[in-house]
Structure formats: structure tokens, C-alpha cells
Amino acid sequence: MNANRVSATLSPADQGEVLAAIATIRKKLPFLIDLTPEERRALPRMGDGGRAFVSKAAQVAAQNPDFLPRSFDIDEMRHDAELFEALQPVALALTQLQELLDDTLMEVGGEAYSAALVVYHYAKNSGKGQALDAVADDLSRRFARKASSSAPAAPASS
């Protein structure tokens, strides 16, 4: 069995506080939206180069508003660019936290599953005569193969 890299607990109180902190984040960001896959594909992407482009275009628009259509909202463009810049460090922090959470979930899940395999192995092989046969059989269901559906169907009678 591999070394146990994570040995911790999360009390119900701490779990509640973490969930409350997440709820606070959501409350502080009420403008967050949920895009459909189609909407994601249709949107232009703004990377690092795009950030400089947007900044320069906003300056041009602010200094020369007369050449733009009247319907163009320079203030809204500026607000969008500012919000993008303000959200960047939040997104980075949450991405890092999500990666840590995913890695920890993978590790503790693997540790728990590895330990369960040891229990199953010993119950199956060493538990004979110790009233563990039913338990070992129950645990063995995890590894039961499902019947293949590739068996030929019976011909339909006419």
C-alpha cells in the first residue's frame, strides 16, 4: 500500500464555513453567468495580446468618440475591460484552489480505494472460516463483469 500523503479531516463546522465562504464569493459576484457550449464557441477569446489591444482601442475610442456610431457605448467598453482586469486575479486564485482540491480529491480517493482493495483481498483470501464469506461476496460485486449484449438475438417469429 502506498504512503498516505493526506491524513486530515474536515469537520462539519469547517465544511459549513467553507461552503459559506463560497456562497459569499457568489454573492459578491452576482453578475456571473453560465454560458452554453454554443455561446462559448461563438465568443472571441481575449488572451494577453487581446488585453493590450482592448486597452489601446479603449483609449482611441475615448479620445476620438466622433468616428464611432452613436449606439457605441464607450463607457460600457471601459467597464467591461475594467471588470475583466479585476476578475483576472480572482480567476487565477480560484483556478489554483480548484487544482489543489482536484488533486487532493484524487489522492484521498485513491488512498481510500487502495485501502478498500486491501480489505477485500484479505477478506477474500484470509477470511475463510471467519464468517467473512458473505462480506467478501458482497465486496466482490464491484468486480463482477456484466453480461455482454453481443449475444445474438433470437429470431423473431412471423
C-alpha atoms as a PDB file:
ATOM      1  CA  MET A   1       0.000   0.000   0.000  1.00  0.00           C
ATOM      2  CA  ASN A   2       1.320   3.453  -0.896  1.00  0.00           C
ATOM      3  CA  ALA A   3       2.224   6.057   1.675  1.00  0.00           C
ATOM      4  CA  ASN A   4      -0.726   8.010   2.991  1.00  0.00           C
ATOM      5  CA  ARG A   5       0.010  11.537   1.697  1.00  0.00           C
ATOM      6  CA  VAL A   6      -3.150  13.123   3.071  1.00  0.00           C
ATOM      7  CA  SER A   7      -4.303  12.429   6.599  1.00  0.00           C
ATOM      8  CA  ALA A   8      -6.859  15.029   7.541  1.00  0.00           C
ATOM      9  CA  THR A   9     -10.470  15.549   8.466  1.00  0.00           C
ATOM     10  CA  LEU A  10     -12.981  18.202   7.563  1.00  0.00           C
ATOM     11  CA  SER A  11     -15.381  18.784  10.388  1.00  0.00           C
ATOM     12  CA  PRO A  12     -18.998  19.589   9.564  1.00  0.00           C
ATOM     13  CA  ALA A  13     -18.414  23.056  11.051  1.00  0.00           C
ATOM     14  CA  ASP A  14     -15.368  23.702   8.838  1.00  0.00           C
ATOM     15  CA  GLN A  15     -17.195  22.313   5.810  1.00  0.00           C
ATOM     16  CA  GLY A  16     -20.065  24.692   6.562  1.00  0.00           C
ATOM     17  CA  GLU A  17     -17.669  27.639   6.830  1.00  0.00           C
ATOM     18  CA  VAL A  18     -16.016  26.755   3.514  1.00  0.00           C
ATOM     19  CA  LEU A  19     -19.405  26.480   1.827  1.00  0.00           C
ATOM     20  CA  ALA A  20     -20.435  29.801   3.406  1.00  0.00           C
ATOM     21  CA  ALA A  21     -17.236  31.395   2.053  1.00  0.00           C
ATOM     22  CA  ILE A  22     -18.085  30.075  -1.416  1.00  0.00           C
ATOM     23  CA  ALA A  23     -21.616  31.448  -1.033  1.00  0.00           C
ATOM     24  CA  THR A  24     -20.089  34.812  -0.092  1.00  0.00           C
ATOM     25  CA  ILE A  25     -17.955  34.759  -3.231  1.00  0.00           C
ATOM     26  CA  ARG A  26     -21.038  34.033  -5.331  1.00  0.00           C
ATOM     27  CA  LYS A  27     -22.931  36.821  -3.538  1.00  0.00           C
ATOM     28  CA  LYS A  28     -20.094  39.296  -4.209  1.00  0.00           C
ATOM     29  CA  LEU A  29     -20.104  38.313  -7.889  1.00  0.00           C
ATOM     30  CA  PRO A  30     -23.849  38.369  -8.693  1.00  0.00           C
ATOM     31  CA  PHE A  31     -23.161  39.169 -12.351  1.00  0.00           C
ATOM     32  CA  LEU A  32     -21.551  35.792 -13.088  1.00  0.00           C
ATOM     33  CA  ILE A  33     -23.210  33.995 -15.986  1.00  0.00           C
ATOM     34  CA  ASP A  34     -23.428  30.428 -17.249  1.00  0.00           C
ATOM     35  CA  LEU A  35     -22.722  30.185 -20.981  1.00  0.00           C
ATOM     36  CA  THR A  36     -23.936  27.349 -23.141  1.00  0.00           C
ATOM     37  CA  PRO A  37     -21.302  25.432 -25.126  1.00  0.00           C
ATOM     38  CA  GLU A  38     -22.569  27.148 -28.287  1.00  0.00           C
ATOM     39  CA  GLU A  39     -22.190  30.593 -26.679  1.00  0.00           C
ATOM     40  CA  ARG A  40     -18.637  29.719 -25.590  1.00  0.00           C
ATOM     41  CA  ARG A  41     -17.677  28.677 -29.111  1.00  0.00           C
ATOM     42  CA  ALA A  42     -19.140  31.865 -30.611  1.00  0.00           C
ATOM     43  CA  LEU A  43     -17.297  34.307 -28.332  1.00  0.00           C
ATOM     44  CA  PRO A  44     -13.934  35.793 -29.321  1.00  0.00           C
ATOM     45  CA  ARG A  45     -11.159  34.900 -26.854  1.00  0.00           C
ATOM     46  CA  MET A  46      -9.130  37.579 -25.130  1.00  0.00           C
ATOM     47  CA  GLY A  47      -5.652  36.471 -24.193  1.00  0.00           C
ATOM     48  CA  ASP A  48      -2.666  38.528 -23.139  1.00  0.00           C
ATOM     49  CA  GLY A  49      -2.316  40.088 -26.599  1.00  0.00           C
ATOM     50  CA  GLY A  50      -6.005  40.865 -26.645  1.00  0.00           C
ATOM     51  CA  ARG A  51      -5.713  42.733 -23.364  1.00  0.00           C
ATOM     52  CA  ALA A  52      -3.251  45.224 -24.876  1.00  0.00           C
ATOM     53  CA  PHE A  53      -5.444  45.533 -27.980  1.00  0.00           C
ATOM     54  CA  VAL A  54      -8.555  46.276 -25.892  1.00  0.00           C
ATOM     55  CA  SER A  55      -6.670  48.824 -23.789  1.00  0.00           C
ATOM     56  CA  LYS A  56      -5.404  50.695 -26.851  1.00  0.00           C
ATOM     57  CA  ALA A  57      -8.795  50.535 -28.589  1.00  0.00           C
ATOM     58  CA  ALA A  58     -10.481  51.937 -25.451  1.00  0.00           C
ATOM     59  CA  GLN A  59      -8.012  54.835 -25.447  1.00  0.00           C
ATOM     60  CA  VAL A  60      -8.663  55.511 -29.137  1.00  0.00           C
ATOM     61  CA  ALA A  61     -12.422  55.369 -28.572  1.00  0.00           C
ATOM     62  CA  ALA A  62     -12.241  57.703 -25.557  1.00  0.00           C
ATOM     63  CA  GLN A  63     -10.067  60.241 -27.391  1.00  0.00           C
ATOM     64  CA  ASN A  64     -11.942  60.065 -30.698  1.00  0.00           C
ATOM     65  CA  PRO A  65     -15.611  59.293 -29.992  1.00  0.00           C
ATOM     66  CA  ASP A  66     -16.866  61.180 -33.082  1.00  0.00           C
ATOM     67  CA  PHE A  67     -15.978  58.493 -35.616  1.00  0.00           C
ATOM     68  CA  LEU A  68     -17.914  55.758 -33.758  1.00  0.00           C
ATOM     69  CA  PRO A  69     -21.637  55.113 -34.272  1.00  0.00           C
ATOM     70  CA  ARG A  70     -23.875  56.827 -31.739  1.00  0.00           C
ATOM     71  CA  SER A  71     -25.036  53.458 -30.459  1.00  0.00           C
ATOM     72  CA  PHE A  72     -21.480  52.537 -29.410  1.00  0.00           C
ATOM     73  CA  ASP A  73     -21.172  52.785 -25.621  1.00  0.00           C
ATOM     74  CA  ILE A  74     -17.609  53.794 -24.757  1.00  0.00           C
ATOM     75  CA  ASP A  75     -18.347  53.687 -21.023  1.00  0.00           C
ATOM     76  CA  GLU A  76     -19.637  50.111 -21.299  1.00  0.00           C
ATOM     77  CA  MET A  77     -16.496  49.093 -23.164  1.00  0.00           C
ATOM     78  CA  ARG A  78     -14.385  50.643 -20.405  1.00  0.00           C
ATOM     79  CA  HIS A  79     -16.477  48.916 -17.702  1.00  0.00           C
ATOM     80  CA  ASP A  80     -16.097  45.528 -19.430  1.00  0.00           C
ATOM     81  CA  ALA A  81     -12.331  45.975 -19.746  1.00  0.00           C
ATOM     82  CA  GLU A  82     -12.023  47.055 -16.102  1.00  0.00           C
ATOM     83  CA  LEU A  83     -14.136  44.137 -14.901  1.00  0.00           C
ATOM     84  CA  PHE A  84     -12.025  41.735 -16.967  1.00  0.00           C
ATOM     85  CA  GLU A  85      -8.868  43.083 -15.326  1.00  0.00           C
ATOM     86  CA  ALA A  86     -10.425  42.950 -11.839  1.00  0.00           C
ATOM     87  CA  LEU A  87     -11.599  39.352 -12.301  1.00  0.00           C
ATOM     88  CA  GLN A  88      -8.242  38.053 -13.587  1.00  0.00           C
ATOM     89  CA  PRO A  89      -6.560  37.671 -10.149  1.00  0.00           C
ATOM     90  CA  VAL A  90      -9.756  36.158  -8.713  1.00  0.00           C
ATOM     91  CA  ALA A  91      -9.892  33.628 -11.546  1.00  0.00           C
ATOM     92  CA  LEU A  92      -6.220  32.752 -11.054  1.00  0.00           C
ATOM     93  CA  ALA A  93      -6.680  32.219  -7.306  1.00  0.00           C
ATOM     94  CA  LEU A  94      -9.792  30.084  -7.842  1.00  0.00           C
ATOM     95  CA  THR A  95      -8.097  28.065 -10.594  1.00  0.00           C
ATOM     96  CA  GLN A  96      -5.182  27.300  -8.276  1.00  0.00           C
ATOM     97  CA  LEU A  97      -7.580  26.377  -5.464  1.00  0.00           C
ATOM     98  CA  GLN A  98      -9.601  24.153  -7.815  1.00  0.00           C
ATOM     99  CA  GLU A  99      -6.416  22.369  -8.920  1.00  0.00           C
ATOM    100  CA  LEU A 100      -5.410  21.749  -5.295  1.00  0.00           C
ATOM    101  CA  LEU A 101      -8.896  20.496  -4.479  1.00  0.00           C
ATOM    102  CA  ASP A 102      -8.962  18.204  -7.531  1.00  0.00           C
ATOM    103  CA  ASP A 103      -5.512  16.781  -6.709  1.00  0.00           C
ATOM    104  CA  THR A 104      -6.451  16.242  -3.066  1.00  0.00           C
ATOM    105  CA  LEU A 105      -9.725  14.539  -4.028  1.00  0.00           C
ATOM    106  CA  MET A 106      -7.831  12.280  -6.417  1.00  0.00           C
ATOM    107  CA  GLU A 107      -5.224  11.418  -3.775  1.00  0.00           C
ATOM    108  CA  VAL A 108      -7.617  10.704  -0.896  1.00  0.00           C
ATOM    109  CA  GLY A 109      -9.958   8.825  -3.207  1.00  0.00           C
ATOM    110  CA  GLY A 110      -7.048   6.699  -4.381  1.00  0.00           C
ATOM    111  CA  GLU A 111      -5.891   6.132  -0.817  1.00  0.00           C
ATOM    112  CA  ALA A 112      -9.373   5.089   0.293  1.00  0.00           C
ATOM    113  CA  TYR A 113      -9.829   2.812  -2.713  1.00  0.00           C
ATOM    114  CA  SER A 114      -6.382   1.209  -2.229  1.00  0.00           C
ATOM    115  CA  ALA A 115      -7.207   0.539   1.416  1.00  0.00           C
ATOM    116  CA  ALA A 116     -10.555  -0.957   0.406  1.00  0.00           C
ATOM    117  CA  LEU A 117      -8.755  -3.284  -2.029  1.00  0.00           C
ATOM    118  CA  VAL A 118      -6.510  -4.486   0.817  1.00  0.00           C
ATOM    119  CA  VAL A 119      -9.563  -5.178   2.984  1.00  0.00           C
ATOM    120  CA  TYR A 120     -11.247  -7.022   0.108  1.00  0.00           C
ATOM    121  CA  HIS A 121      -8.118  -9.060  -0.631  1.00  0.00           C
ATOM    122  CA  TYR A 122      -7.712 -10.159   2.987  1.00  0.00           C
ATOM    123  CA  ALA A 123     -11.427 -10.824   3.479  1.00  0.00           C
ATOM    124  CA  LYS A 124     -11.447 -12.968   0.349  1.00  0.00           C
ATOM    125  CA  ASN A 125      -8.188 -14.844   0.953  1.00  0.00           C
ATOM    126  CA  SER A 126      -7.706 -14.899   4.716  1.00  0.00           C
ATOM    127  CA  GLY A 127     -11.257 -14.615   5.958  1.00  0.00           C
ATOM    128  CA  LYS A 128     -12.254 -18.192   5.285  1.00  0.00           C
ATOM    129  CA  GLY A 129     -13.801 -19.703   8.367  1.00  0.00           C
ATOM    130  CA  GLN A 130     -14.206 -16.289   9.999  1.00  0.00           C
ATOM    131  CA  ALA A 131     -17.745 -15.669   8.778  1.00  0.00           C
ATOM    132  CA  LEU A 132     -16.480 -13.251   6.129  1.00  0.00           C
ATOM    133  CA  ASP A 133     -17.616 -15.196   3.064  1.00  0.00           C
ATOM    134  CA  ALA A 134     -20.833 -13.187   2.672  1.00  0.00           C
ATOM    135  CA  VAL A 135     -18.947  -9.906   3.139  1.00  0.00           C
ATOM    136  CA  ALA A 136     -16.278 -10.927   0.620  1.00  0.00           C
ATOM    137  CA  ASP A 137     -19.003 -11.921  -1.838  1.00  0.00           C
ATOM    138  CA  ASP A 138     -20.693  -8.571  -1.333  1.00  0.00           C
ATOM    139  CA  LEU A 139     -17.407  -6.727  -1.911  1.00  0.00           C
ATOM    140  CA  SER A 140     -16.673  -8.855  -4.984  1.00  0.00           C
ATOM    141  CA  ARG A 141     -19.721  -7.394  -6.755  1.00  0.00           C
ATOM    142  CA  ARG A 142     -17.541  -4.384  -7.540  1.00  0.00           C
ATOM    143  CA  PHE A 143     -15.546  -6.586  -9.895  1.00  0.00           C
ATOM    144  CA  ALA A 144     -18.399  -8.596 -11.414  1.00  0.00           C
ATOM    145  CA  ARG A 145     -18.443  -8.462 -15.180  1.00  0.00           C
ATOM    146  CA  LYS A 146     -21.704  -7.562 -16.810  1.00  0.00           C
ATOM    147  CA  ALA A 147     -23.096  -9.940 -19.361  1.00  0.00           C
ATOM    148  CA  SER A 148     -22.182  -8.949 -22.878  1.00  0.00           C
ATOM    149  CA  SER A 149     -25.061  -7.773 -25.047  1.00  0.00           C
ATOM    150  CA  SER A 150     -23.316  -9.129 -28.124  1.00  0.00           C
ATOM    151  CA  ALA A 151     -25.166 -12.441 -27.885  1.00  0.00           C
ATOM    152  CA  PRO A 152     -27.282 -12.964 -30.988  1.00  0.00           C
ATOM    153  CA  ALA A 153     -30.903 -12.096 -30.543  1.00  0.00           C
ATOM    154  CA  ALA A 154     -33.453 -14.794 -31.005  1.00  0.00           C
ATOM    155  CA  PRO A 155     -35.040 -14.637 -34.443  1.00  0.00           C
ATOM    156  CA  ALA A 156     -38.451 -13.016 -34.459  1.00  0.00           C
ATOM    157  CA  SER A 157     -41.206 -15.412 -35.330  1.00  0.00           C
ATOM    158  CA  SER A 158     -43.627 -14.377 -38.028  1.00  0.00           C
END
